[in-house]
Amino acid sequence: MYMRLGSVVGYSSGIFQVVLIIVFSHLISVTTGLSVSSIATDKKIDKGGFITC
C-alpha cells in the first residue's frame, strides 16, 4: 500500500490529498479484514471447543 507513496505525493496536488488517500485505503483494508474475520468466525461453538471428536 505504501510502495507507491512517492508517486502519489509527486502527482498529487498536496499533502491533504495524500493523507486522504492513505486514510481511505487504510479504512478499506480494516473493513475488509473485519468482514473476513466475521465470516470466518460465524460458527456456533458448542461444549468442547471447535473440534470435537
Protein backbone atom coordinates (compact mmCIF):
# COMPACT_ATOMS: atom_id res chain seq x y z
CA MET A 1 0.00 0.00 0.00
CA TYR A 2 2.82 2.42 0.80
CA MET A 3 5.18 1.40 -2.01
CA ARG A 4 3.66 3.95 -4.41
CA LEU A 5 3.65 6.77 -1.87
CA GLY A 6 6.33 8.69 -3.78
CA SER A 7 4.32 8.72 -6.99
CA VAL A 8 1.17 9.68 -5.11
CA VAL A 9 2.98 12.60 -3.50
CA GLY A 10 4.61 13.58 -6.80
CA TYR A 11 1.44 13.57 -8.90
CA SER A 12 -0.98 14.71 -6.23
CA SER A 13 -1.72 18.36 -5.67
CA GLY A 14 -0.98 18.42 -1.96
CA ILE A 15 -0.32 16.70 1.30
CA PHE A 16 -4.01 16.81 2.21
CA GLN A 17 -4.93 14.58 -0.72
CA VAL A 18 -2.10 12.18 0.12
CA VAL A 19 -3.31 11.85 3.71
CA LEU A 20 -6.86 11.41 2.44
CA ILE A 21 -5.80 8.60 0.09
CA ILE A 22 -3.90 6.84 2.88
CA VAL A 23 -6.82 7.16 5.30
CA PHE A 24 -9.30 5.79 2.76
CA SER A 25 -7.04 2.89 1.81
CA HIS A 26 -6.49 2.05 5.47
CA LEU A 27 -10.25 2.23 6.09
CA ILE A 28 -10.89 -0.17 3.21
CA SER A 29 -8.22 -2.57 4.49
CA VAL A 30 -9.61 -2.55 8.04
CA THR A 31 -13.21 -3.09 6.96
CA THR A 32 -12.16 -5.93 4.66
CA GLY A 33 -10.24 -7.58 7.49
CA LEU A 34 -13.17 -7.24 9.87
CA SER A 35 -15.55 -8.67 7.28
CA VAL A 36 -13.31 -11.67 6.62
CA SER A 37 -12.90 -12.36 10.34
CA SER A 38 -16.65 -12.06 10.83
CA ILE A 39 -17.29 -14.60 8.08
CA ALA A 40 -14.60 -16.93 9.43
CA THR A 41 -15.94 -16.87 13.00
CA ASP A 42 -19.64 -17.14 12.20
CA LYS A 43 -19.87 -20.62 13.68
CA LYS A 44 -21.52 -21.55 16.94
CA ILE A 45 -19.03 -23.31 19.18
CA ASP A 46 -20.54 -25.97 21.43
CA LYS A 47 -19.07 -27.54 24.54
CA GLY A 48 -15.65 -28.99 23.91
CA GLY A 49 -14.43 -26.32 21.55
CA PHE A 50 -14.39 -26.05 17.80
CA ILE A 51 -13.01 -29.53 17.08
CA THR A 52 -14.92 -32.30 18.81
CA CYS A 53 -14.15 -35.97 18.34
